[in-house]
Amino acid sequence: MIRKLFVGAAASALFGLLAWSLYHLPAHPAGLTVQAHAALPRSGVSHPVTAVLLNYRGYDTLLEIAVLLLAVVGVWSLRAMPAGGPEARGAPILGALLRLIVPSLLLVGGYMLWIGAFAPGGAFQGGALLGGALVLLLLGGLGGALLRHIGLLRAALSAGLLVFIAVGALSMAVTGTLLQYPEGLAGTLILVIESAAMVSIGLTLGAMFHGGRPVRAEGAGDDE
């Protein structure tokens, strides 16, 4: 009983503190909106969200990509799972849907990556669509072939973080500051980072949906 009262009092105190903080927030916070918009021409992109994620606070995004990779490592460390699954060839309706939906998801994912420089979009949105496509393939039993190429899968999962680090090292060698892109190359370098990150994010989501370290099922042939 005393424990419940203590937990209730602590929760009430936390709620009261959060409510008080929210009530006393300024109606018109100063922030860095003016400075962020003023620096857009030098950021390499014209959309402020992409500029914030890949330029102004690139360190945070770099760590987010690292966290996703660590999440896959954590899932894989728990158990191994065969990369097979139900066969879509035995389900004509599912197979027809996959042939229609998966290419559309890949196309829209690439489009989301491209428009991220000047409109809402980017690597995370495109990666979510690629992840959805991989999940559908896994549900249809057609994603196991990709997961069984464990070396290629590991390289693709790591590509987002490794490319991000490589670009950071290059920028540091040229400008003397980590992730301060050279003048005139910011847009190209951001696109390179986002392309690799989108692939890694999509595969991360699919690999985590699979739920374990992919291994070849017993008795599976090389031609599966």
Protein backbone atom coordinates (compact mmCIF):
# COMPACT_ATOMS: atom_id res chain seq x y z
CA MET A 1 0.00 0.00 0.00
CA ILE A 2 2.78 2.43 0.92
CA ARG A 3 4.61 1.57 -2.29
CA LYS A 4 1.53 2.35 -4.37
CA LEU A 5 1.09 5.66 -2.58
CA PHE A 6 4.73 6.54 -3.20
CA VAL A 7 4.49 5.70 -6.90
CA GLY A 8 1.25 7.67 -7.21
CA ALA A 9 2.76 10.70 -5.46
CA ALA A 10 5.87 10.58 -7.67
CA ALA A 11 3.76 10.30 -10.81
CA SER A 12 1.54 13.20 -9.69
CA ALA A 13 4.59 15.34 -8.93
CA LEU A 14 6.08 14.58 -12.35
CA PHE A 15 2.77 15.40 -14.06
CA GLY A 16 2.54 18.66 -12.12
CA LEU A 17 6.10 19.62 -13.08
CA LEU A 18 5.45 18.91 -16.76
CA ALA A 19 2.16 20.84 -16.68
CA TRP A 20 3.85 23.80 -14.99
CA SER A 21 6.67 23.79 -17.55
CA LEU A 22 4.21 23.62 -20.44
CA TYR A 23 2.11 26.47 -19.00
CA HIS A 24 5.16 28.72 -18.66
CA LEU A 25 6.49 28.17 -22.16
CA PRO A 26 6.82 31.49 -24.04
CA ALA A 27 4.02 32.22 -26.50
CA HIS A 28 6.53 33.20 -29.18
CA PRO A 29 9.84 31.41 -28.51
CA ALA A 30 12.88 33.03 -30.07
CA GLY A 31 14.61 29.84 -31.24
CA LEU A 32 16.94 29.81 -34.22
CA THR A 33 14.35 29.99 -36.99
CA VAL A 34 15.69 33.20 -38.49
CA GLN A 35 19.29 31.99 -38.47
CA ALA A 36 18.33 28.59 -39.90
CA HIS A 37 16.47 30.11 -42.84
CA ALA A 38 19.25 32.63 -43.44
CA ALA A 39 21.82 29.82 -43.76
CA LEU A 40 19.73 27.71 -46.18
CA PRO A 41 21.56 28.91 -49.35
CA ARG A 42 24.82 27.53 -47.90
CA SER A 43 23.32 24.31 -46.52
CA GLY A 44 23.18 22.47 -49.85
CA VAL A 45 19.39 21.99 -49.74
CA SER A 46 16.39 24.29 -49.85
CA HIS A 47 14.17 22.49 -47.34
CA PRO A 48 14.78 23.55 -43.72
CA VAL A 49 14.04 20.12 -42.19
CA THR A 50 16.62 18.39 -44.37
CA ALA A 51 19.09 21.18 -43.67
CA VAL A 52 18.62 20.67 -39.93
CA LEU A 53 18.92 16.88 -40.10
CA LEU A 54 21.89 16.60 -42.45
CA ASN A 55 23.73 19.88 -41.98
CA TYR A 56 22.96 21.95 -38.89
CA ARG A 57 22.79 18.96 -36.53
CA GLY A 58 24.39 16.22 -38.56
CA TYR A 59 25.92 14.77 -35.39
CA ASP A 60 22.46 13.81 -34.10
CA THR A 61 21.49 12.12 -37.36
CA LEU A 62 24.79 10.26 -37.44
CA LEU A 63 24.09 8.88 -33.97
CA GLU A 64 20.52 7.96 -34.98
CA ILE A 65 21.86 5.84 -37.83
CA ALA A 66 24.30 4.23 -35.39
CA VAL A 67 21.44 3.45 -32.98
CA LEU A 68 19.49 1.69 -35.74
CA LEU A 69 22.52 -0.46 -36.56
CA LEU A 70 22.98 -1.31 -32.88
CA ALA A 71 19.30 -2.26 -32.69
CA VAL A 72 19.81 -4.83 -35.45
CA VAL A 73 22.92 -6.16 -33.70
CA GLY A 74 20.87 -6.52 -30.51
CA VAL A 75 18.07 -8.40 -32.28
CA TRP A 76 20.54 -10.69 -34.05
CA SER A 77 22.31 -11.47 -30.78
CA LEU A 78 19.12 -12.92 -29.28
CA ARG A 79 18.57 -15.83 -31.63
CA ALA A 80 19.00 -17.17 -35.13
CA MET A 81 16.07 -17.70 -37.47
CA PRO A 82 15.81 -19.46 -40.84
CA ALA A 83 15.44 -16.98 -43.67
CA GLY A 84 12.67 -18.94 -45.36
CA GLY A 85 8.94 -18.43 -45.08
CA PRO A 86 5.63 -19.16 -46.79
CA GLU A 87 5.87 -19.30 -50.55
CA ALA A 88 3.95 -16.68 -52.51
CA ARG A 89 3.99 -19.00 -55.52
CA GLY A 90 1.34 -21.06 -53.77
CA ALA A 91 -0.81 -17.99 -53.16
CA PRO A 92 -1.59 -16.34 -56.53
CA ILE A 93 -3.47 -13.39 -55.01
CA LEU A 94 -0.59 -12.56 -52.66
CA GLY A 95 1.91 -12.95 -55.49
CA ALA A 96 -0.08 -10.60 -57.72
CA LEU A 97 -0.29 -8.02 -54.93
CA LEU A 98 3.45 -8.23 -54.32
CA ARG A 99 4.20 -7.70 -58.01
CA LEU A 100 2.04 -4.57 -57.92
CA ILE A 101 2.84 -3.07 -54.51
CA VAL A 102 6.56 -3.76 -54.05
CA PRO A 103 7.76 -1.96 -57.22
CA SER A 104 5.48 0.95 -56.33
CA LEU A 105 6.99 1.17 -52.84
CA LEU A 106 10.51 1.12 -54.29
CA LEU A 107 9.64 3.85 -56.78
CA VAL A 108 7.97 6.07 -54.19
CA GLY A 109 10.86 5.46 -51.78
CA GLY A 110 13.33 6.74 -54.35
CA TYR A 111 11.08 9.70 -55.05
CA MET A 112 10.88 10.54 -51.34
CA LEU A 113 14.68 10.48 -51.18
CA TRP A 114 15.02 12.83 -54.14
CA ILE A 115 12.46 15.42 -53.09
CA GLY A 116 13.90 15.63 -49.57
CA ALA A 117 16.26 18.38 -50.73
CA PHE A 118 13.43 20.81 -51.44
CA ALA A 119 10.21 19.32 -49.98
CA PRO A 120 9.12 17.02 -47.11
CA GLY A 121 10.87 13.69 -47.58
CA GLY A 122 14.33 12.23 -47.23
CA ALA A 123 16.17 9.08 -46.19
CA PHE A 124 13.98 8.12 -43.23
CA GLN A 125 10.73 8.39 -45.18
CA GLY A 126 12.20 6.54 -48.16
CA GLY A 127 13.75 3.95 -45.86
CA ALA A 128 10.39 3.34 -44.19
CA LEU A 129 8.88 2.57 -47.60
CA LEU A 130 11.76 0.24 -48.49
CA GLY A 131 11.30 -1.46 -45.13
CA GLY A 132 7.62 -1.93 -45.88
CA ALA A 133 8.49 -3.50 -49.22
CA LEU A 134 10.90 -5.92 -47.54
CA VAL A 135 8.31 -6.81 -44.91
CA LEU A 136 5.82 -7.67 -47.65
CA LEU A 137 8.42 -9.81 -49.41
CA LEU A 138 9.15 -11.62 -46.15
CA LEU A 139 5.44 -12.23 -45.58
CA GLY A 140 5.26 -13.66 -49.09
CA GLY A 141 8.33 -15.85 -48.59
CA LEU A 142 10.29 -13.97 -51.25
CA GLY A 143 12.68 -12.02 -49.02
CA GLY A 144 14.61 -15.00 -47.69
CA ALA A 145 17.01 -15.05 -50.66
CA LEU A 146 18.18 -11.54 -49.78
CA LEU A 147 18.57 -12.32 -46.07
CA ARG A 148 20.57 -15.47 -46.77
CA HIS A 149 23.35 -13.38 -48.38
CA ILE A 150 24.56 -12.49 -44.92
CA GLY A 151 27.79 -10.80 -46.05
CA LEU A 152 25.98 -8.53 -48.49
CA LEU A 153 23.26 -7.87 -45.92
CA ARG A 154 25.78 -6.81 -43.28
CA ALA A 155 27.51 -4.50 -45.74
CA ALA A 156 24.22 -2.87 -46.75
CA LEU A 157 23.10 -2.48 -43.13
CA SER A 158 26.40 -0.79 -42.28
CA ALA A 159 26.54 1.34 -45.43
CA GLY A 160 24.52 4.24 -44.01
CA LEU A 161 26.76 4.67 -40.97
CA LEU A 162 30.02 4.01 -42.83
CA VAL A 163 29.22 6.46 -45.63
CA PHE A 164 28.17 9.08 -43.07
CA ILE A 165 31.47 8.65 -41.21
CA ALA A 166 33.45 8.72 -44.47
CA VAL A 167 31.80 11.98 -45.56
CA GLY A 168 32.44 13.42 -42.10
CA ALA A 169 36.12 12.47 -42.31
CA LEU A 170 36.36 13.96 -45.82
CA SER A 171 34.75 17.20 -44.72
CA MET A 172 37.09 17.38 -41.73
CA ALA A 173 40.12 16.88 -43.97
CA VAL A 174 39.00 19.67 -46.32
CA THR A 175 37.40 22.20 -43.97
CA GLY A 176 38.97 21.25 -40.64
CA THR A 177 35.54 20.64 -39.03
CA LEU A 178 33.61 17.38 -38.85
CA LEU A 179 30.50 17.43 -41.08
CA GLN A 180 31.12 20.98 -42.25
CA TYR A 181 30.73 20.31 -45.95
CA PRO A 182 33.03 21.95 -48.49
CA GLU A 183 31.55 24.96 -50.26
CA GLY A 184 29.60 23.88 -53.35
CA LEU A 185 29.58 20.16 -52.48
CA ALA A 186 27.09 20.19 -49.61
CA GLY A 187 24.09 19.17 -51.73
CA THR A 188 25.93 16.29 -53.41
CA LEU A 189 27.36 14.97 -50.15
CA ILE A 190 23.98 15.15 -48.44
CA LEU A 191 22.43 13.15 -51.30
CA VAL A 192 25.19 10.53 -51.00
CA ILE A 193 24.61 10.24 -47.25
CA GLU A 194 20.85 9.99 -47.63
CA SER A 195 21.05 7.38 -50.40
CA ALA A 196 23.17 5.05 -48.27
CA ALA A 197 21.12 5.79 -45.17
CA MET A 198 17.85 5.00 -46.96
CA VAL A 199 19.08 1.54 -47.95
CA SER A 200 20.35 0.84 -44.43
CA ILE A 201 17.13 2.07 -42.80
CA GLY A 202 14.95 -0.05 -45.08
CA LEU A 203 17.00 -3.18 -44.48
CA THR A 204 17.12 -2.45 -40.74
CA LEU A 205 13.33 -2.34 -40.51
CA GLY A 206 13.00 -5.53 -42.55
CA ALA A 207 15.70 -7.35 -40.57
CA MET A 208 14.09 -6.38 -37.26
CA PHE A 209 10.71 -7.59 -38.53
CA HIS A 210 12.35 -10.92 -39.37
CA GLY A 211 13.14 -11.13 -35.67
CA GLY A 212 16.52 -12.87 -35.56
CA ARG A 213 19.86 -13.44 -37.23
CA PRO A 214 19.09 -14.86 -40.69
CA VAL A 215 20.46 -18.35 -41.34
CA ARG A 216 19.90 -20.87 -44.10
CA ALA A 217 17.06 -23.24 -43.30
CA GLU A 218 18.03 -26.89 -42.89
CA GLY A 219 17.72 -28.76 -46.15
CA ALA A 220 17.48 -25.60 -48.22
CA GLY A 221 19.18 -25.83 -51.56
CA ASP A 222 21.40 -23.22 -53.17
CA ASP A 223 18.81 -22.51 -55.85
CA GLU A 224 16.07 -21.30 -53.47
